[in-house]
């Protein structure tokens, strides 16, 4: 979240689509999955239709808003990555390759060929790293497990504001529960999942972003990455409620520090 007057959104988008093979514009259906070709085509079309929303290679002067690395539900629930096609959120330069990752490109925890080797990680590294003093909040959204993870993933390290992160995370989990009755577990990855390294969550915290969380969305193992389409909308609704609580907390902190 950027410090400043007001609260705007820079990037917290769930996947929309424009069919690559269609010439006519179509309405987006939020309640079903779309192939990556449609998702990519929609992203290109959005850039053309809304050049004012484009981040580009460098941040614009005077921008304000909330920074979020949102891995779209429709993409992440179809698989954390396809073999040799993409990488899990373990490609960041934070004890990269030390624990909880795999060098096998067919693994769900494949971490890439090296730290910050992927273009998405490189772009976000530049964007946040070039103005890290302006950020208060970083959210990275994945599936699955119904978890809210706080830094750090390495079992030998603890975030300096761990107690604050846990308090905010537990409150966000309560906000999630009030929407559809789903319980999210809050904690560091070694405590509630497994040790891992190289996550964007940990990287953002090490950059000085005080509030950094990983959302692991529905469910807790029954369907795994392929969540039934009927659960897409409620999963988004409850996650939004939790994210909103964190953003409101960050917003309040920004104003209290400015007084």
Protein backbone atom coordinates (compact mmCIF):
# COMPACT_ATOMS: atom_id res chain seq x y z
CA UNK A 1 0.00 0.00 0.00
CA UNK A 2 1.42 3.37 -0.94
CA UNK A 3 1.52 6.16 1.59
CA UNK A 4 -0.46 9.21 0.52
CA UNK A 5 -3.84 10.81 0.49
CA UNK A 6 -6.69 8.47 -0.26
CA UNK A 7 -6.81 4.83 -1.08
CA UNK A 8 -6.66 3.70 -4.69
CA UNK A 9 -6.00 0.36 -6.23
CA UNK A 10 -2.92 -0.08 -8.45
CA UNK A 11 -3.16 -3.79 -9.01
CA UNK A 12 -5.50 -6.25 -7.37
CA UNK A 13 -7.28 -7.96 -10.27
CA UNK A 14 -8.78 -11.37 -10.65
CA UNK A 15 -8.67 -12.81 -14.13
CA UNK A 16 -10.92 -11.41 -16.82
CA UNK A 17 -10.94 -12.62 -20.40
CA UNK A 18 -11.35 -11.76 -24.03
CA UNK A 19 -11.39 -14.76 -26.34
CA UNK A 20 -8.27 -14.74 -28.49
CA UNK A 21 -10.09 -16.21 -31.46
CA UNK A 22 -13.11 -13.89 -31.18
CA UNK A 23 -13.30 -10.60 -32.97
CA UNK A 24 -16.33 -9.36 -31.05
CA UNK A 25 -16.08 -8.18 -27.46
CA UNK A 26 -17.61 -10.63 -24.98
CA UNK A 27 -18.89 -10.32 -21.44
CA UNK A 28 -16.59 -11.89 -18.87
CA UNK A 29 -17.94 -14.82 -16.91
CA UNK A 30 -16.45 -14.72 -13.42
CA UNK A 31 -17.81 -18.11 -12.47
CA UNK A 32 -15.82 -20.39 -14.75
CA UNK A 33 -12.22 -21.10 -15.71
CA UNK A 34 -10.61 -19.74 -18.84
CA UNK A 35 -7.54 -21.02 -20.73
CA UNK A 36 -4.38 -18.96 -20.52
CA UNK A 37 -4.75 -17.95 -24.16
CA UNK A 38 -7.99 -16.10 -23.33
CA UNK A 39 -6.54 -14.62 -20.15
CA UNK A 40 -3.47 -13.33 -22.02
CA UNK A 41 -5.61 -11.91 -24.82
CA UNK A 42 -7.77 -10.11 -22.30
CA UNK A 43 -4.73 -8.59 -20.62
CA UNK A 44 -3.51 -7.26 -23.97
CA UNK A 45 -6.95 -5.86 -24.72
CA UNK A 46 -7.19 -4.20 -21.29
CA UNK A 47 -3.88 -2.48 -21.88
CA UNK A 48 -5.16 -1.09 -25.17
CA UNK A 49 -8.55 -0.06 -23.80
CA UNK A 50 -7.20 1.54 -20.61
CA UNK A 51 -3.74 3.01 -21.20
CA UNK A 52 -4.22 5.13 -18.08
CA UNK A 53 -4.15 1.96 -15.94
CA UNK A 54 -0.98 0.58 -17.45
CA UNK A 55 2.01 0.48 -15.12
CA UNK A 56 4.53 0.28 -17.94
CA UNK A 57 8.24 -0.17 -17.37
CA UNK A 58 8.50 2.54 -14.75
CA UNK A 59 6.07 3.82 -12.09
CA UNK A 60 4.50 7.19 -12.79
CA UNK A 61 5.20 10.15 -10.57
CA UNK A 62 2.56 10.86 -7.95
CA UNK A 63 0.89 7.46 -8.09
CA UNK A 64 -0.96 6.32 -5.01
CA UNK A 65 -2.58 3.02 -4.30
CA UNK A 66 -2.28 -0.53 -3.09
CA UNK A 67 0.39 -2.87 -4.40
CA UNK A 68 -0.52 -6.53 -4.72
CA UNK A 69 0.91 -9.50 -6.50
CA UNK A 70 -2.36 -11.28 -7.29
CA UNK A 71 -2.02 -14.68 -8.87
CA UNK A 72 -5.47 -15.06 -10.37
CA UNK A 73 -7.69 -17.73 -8.87
CA UNK A 74 -8.62 -19.10 -12.28
CA UNK A 75 -4.95 -19.64 -13.09
CA UNK A 76 -3.66 -20.90 -9.76
CA UNK A 77 -6.47 -23.35 -9.15
CA UNK A 78 -5.80 -25.04 -12.46
CA UNK A 79 -2.32 -25.88 -11.21
CA UNK A 80 0.46 -24.11 -9.44
CA UNK A 81 2.33 -24.30 -12.69
CA UNK A 82 2.53 -26.38 -15.80
CA UNK A 83 5.77 -28.34 -16.16
CA UNK A 84 8.48 -26.24 -17.85
CA UNK A 85 5.94 -23.43 -18.27
CA UNK A 86 5.91 -21.49 -15.02
CA UNK A 87 7.28 -21.30 -11.52
CA UNK A 88 5.80 -21.42 -8.07
CA UNK A 89 6.15 -18.37 -5.82
CA UNK A 90 9.68 -19.48 -4.85
CA UNK A 91 11.69 -17.54 -7.42
CA UNK A 92 12.62 -14.58 -5.23
CA UNK A 93 16.04 -13.83 -3.80
CA UNK A 94 15.26 -14.72 -0.17
CA UNK A 95 17.29 -17.76 0.84
CA UNK A 96 16.28 -19.01 -2.60
CA UNK A 97 16.75 -22.76 -3.12
CA UNK A 98 17.58 -23.37 0.57
CA UNK A 99 14.44 -25.12 1.91
CA UNK A 100 11.06 -26.33 0.64
CA UNK A 101 11.74 -25.97 -3.10
CA UNK A 102 12.58 -28.26 -5.99
CA UNK A 103 14.88 -28.02 -9.00
CA UNK A 104 12.57 -30.42 -10.88
CA UNK A 105 10.54 -28.41 -13.39
CA UNK A 106 7.63 -30.86 -13.02
CA UNK A 107 7.34 -30.25 -9.28
CA UNK A 108 4.70 -28.05 -7.66
CA UNK A 109 7.54 -26.27 -5.83
CA UNK A 110 9.87 -25.74 -8.80
CA UNK A 111 11.75 -22.53 -8.11
CA UNK A 112 13.20 -21.72 -11.53
CA UNK A 113 16.74 -21.70 -12.81
CA UNK A 114 17.90 -19.01 -10.39
CA UNK A 115 16.78 -16.22 -8.10
CA UNK A 116 14.58 -13.66 -9.92
CA UNK A 117 14.96 -15.64 -13.15
CA UNK A 118 11.34 -15.13 -14.27
CA UNK A 119 10.03 -12.00 -16.06
CA UNK A 120 7.13 -11.57 -13.63
CA UNK A 121 9.50 -11.62 -10.66
CA UNK A 122 11.88 -9.26 -12.43
CA UNK A 123 9.11 -6.75 -13.22
CA UNK A 124 7.77 -6.70 -9.68
CA UNK A 125 11.27 -6.58 -8.22
CA UNK A 126 11.94 -3.41 -10.20
CA UNK A 127 8.56 -1.83 -9.45
CA UNK A 128 8.61 -2.38 -5.69
CA UNK A 129 12.36 -2.23 -5.25
CA UNK A 130 12.61 1.19 -6.90
CA UNK A 131 10.11 2.74 -4.47
CA UNK A 132 10.01 0.35 -1.52
CA UNK A 133 9.90 3.19 1.02
CA UNK A 134 6.39 4.02 -0.26
CA UNK A 135 4.87 0.59 0.40
CA UNK A 136 3.13 -0.54 3.57
CA UNK A 137 1.41 -3.69 2.32
CA UNK A 138 2.15 -6.58 -0.04
CA UNK A 139 -0.33 -9.39 -0.76
CA UNK A 140 0.41 -12.49 -2.85
CA UNK A 141 -2.60 -14.68 -3.60
CA UNK A 142 -2.45 -18.40 -4.37
CA UNK A 143 -4.30 -21.67 -3.92
CA UNK A 144 -4.79 -23.85 -2.01
CA UNK A 145 -5.00 -24.57 1.74
CA UNK A 146 -7.17 -21.86 3.35
CA UNK A 147 -4.14 -20.21 4.92
CA UNK A 148 -2.86 -16.73 5.68
CA UNK A 149 0.92 -16.98 5.79
CA UNK A 150 3.21 -14.42 7.40
CA UNK A 151 6.99 -14.06 6.95
CA UNK A 152 9.28 -15.93 7.10
CA UNK A 153 9.20 -19.27 5.32
CA UNK A 154 12.64 -20.25 6.59
CA UNK A 155 12.40 -21.85 10.06
CA UNK A 156 15.50 -20.03 11.34
CA UNK A 157 14.13 -16.53 10.86
CA UNK A 158 11.25 -14.54 12.40
CA UNK A 159 9.87 -11.22 11.16
CA UNK A 160 10.63 -8.32 13.53
CA UNK A 161 6.92 -7.41 13.61
CA UNK A 162 5.71 -11.03 13.83
CA UNK A 163 3.21 -10.25 16.61
CA UNK A 164 1.64 -7.45 14.56
CA UNK A 165 1.45 -9.66 11.48
CA UNK A 166 -0.24 -12.41 13.46
CA UNK A 167 -2.75 -10.00 15.01
CA UNK A 168 -3.68 -8.47 11.65
CA UNK A 169 -3.78 -11.91 10.03
CA UNK A 170 -6.07 -13.37 12.68
CA UNK A 171 -8.44 -10.41 12.30
CA UNK A 172 -8.41 -10.89 8.53
CA UNK A 173 -9.20 -14.58 9.02
CA UNK A 174 -12.21 -13.61 11.11
CA UNK A 175 -13.36 -11.27 8.35
CA UNK A 176 -13.04 -14.18 5.90
CA UNK A 177 -15.03 -16.49 8.19
CA UNK A 178 -17.91 -14.03 8.46
CA UNK A 179 -18.53 -14.16 4.69
CA UNK A 180 -19.14 -17.89 4.06
CA UNK A 181 -18.03 -19.64 7.24
CA UNK A 182 -14.65 -20.79 5.94
CA UNK A 183 -11.84 -21.04 8.50
CA UNK A 184 -8.37 -19.86 7.47
CA UNK A 185 -5.31 -20.81 9.52
CA UNK A 186 -2.83 -18.01 10.24
CA UNK A 187 0.89 -18.42 10.82
CA UNK A 188 4.32 -18.69 9.28
CA UNK A 189 4.83 -21.37 6.66
CA UNK A 190 7.05 -23.59 8.86
CA UNK A 191 4.40 -23.48 11.61
CA UNK A 192 1.26 -24.22 9.59
CA UNK A 193 2.39 -25.64 6.23
CA UNK A 194 6.03 -26.48 5.52
CA UNK A 195 9.32 -24.53 5.42
CA UNK A 196 9.89 -22.75 2.13
CA UNK A 197 12.29 -20.22 0.69
CA UNK A 198 12.35 -17.67 -2.09
CA UNK A 199 8.75 -16.44 -1.66
CA UNK A 200 7.67 -12.96 -2.75
CA UNK A 201 6.09 -12.55 0.70
CA UNK A 202 9.46 -12.94 2.41
CA UNK A 203 11.21 -10.85 -0.22
CA UNK A 204 8.78 -7.95 0.28
CA UNK A 205 9.23 -8.05 4.06
CA UNK A 206 13.01 -8.01 3.68
CA UNK A 207 12.62 -4.95 1.43
CA UNK A 208 11.06 -3.17 4.39
CA UNK A 209 7.36 -3.61 3.57
CA UNK A 210 5.91 -4.11 7.08
CA UNK A 211 2.69 -5.95 6.16
CA UNK A 212 3.32 -8.90 3.86
CA UNK A 213 0.97 -11.88 3.56
CA UNK A 214 0.35 -14.92 1.38
CA UNK A 215 -3.28 -15.95 0.83
CA UNK A 216 -3.75 -19.65 0.10
CA UNK A 217 -7.36 -19.81 -1.07
CA UNK A 218 -9.89 -22.65 -0.96
CA UNK A 219 -9.95 -25.46 -0.33
CA UNK A 220 -7.99 -27.51 2.20
CA UNK A 221 -7.33 -30.54 0.04
CA UNK A 222 -10.58 -32.09 -1.16
CA UNK A 223 -10.31 -30.68 -4.67
CA UNK A 224 -6.78 -29.28 -4.55
CA UNK A 225 -5.90 -26.88 -7.33
CA UNK A 226 -8.98 -27.69 -9.39
CA UNK A 227 -11.61 -26.03 -7.25
CA UNK A 228 -15.17 -26.56 -8.56
CA UNK A 229 -16.34 -23.60 -10.58
CA UNK A 230 -19.27 -23.12 -8.22
CA UNK A 231 -16.79 -22.13 -5.52
CA UNK A 232 -14.92 -19.48 -7.53
CA UNK A 233 -17.17 -16.57 -6.62
CA UNK A 234 -17.48 -17.35 -2.87
CA UNK A 235 -13.71 -17.94 -2.69
CA UNK A 236 -13.16 -14.49 -4.19
CA UNK A 237 -15.76 -12.85 -1.96
CA UNK A 238 -14.25 -14.15 1.27
CA UNK A 239 -10.68 -13.45 0.17
CA UNK A 240 -11.65 -9.90 -0.72
CA UNK A 241 -13.03 -9.40 2.77
CA UNK A 242 -9.78 -10.58 4.34
CA UNK A 243 -7.65 -8.49 2.01
CA UNK A 244 -9.81 -5.44 2.65
CA UNK A 245 -9.26 -5.75 6.40
CA UNK A 246 -5.47 -5.81 5.89
CA UNK A 247 -5.61 -2.83 3.52
CA UNK A 248 -7.78 -0.84 5.92
CA UNK A 249 -5.33 -1.55 8.72
CA UNK A 250 -2.42 -0.42 6.53
CA UNK A 251 -4.38 2.67 5.53
CA UNK A 252 -5.00 3.57 9.17
CA UNK A 253 -1.30 3.09 9.96
CA UNK A 254 -0.32 5.40 7.10
CA UNK A 255 -2.49 8.19 8.45
CA UNK A 256 -1.44 7.68 12.06
CA UNK A 257 2.22 7.94 11.07
CA UNK A 258 1.53 11.09 9.10
CA UNK A 259 -0.04 12.89 12.08
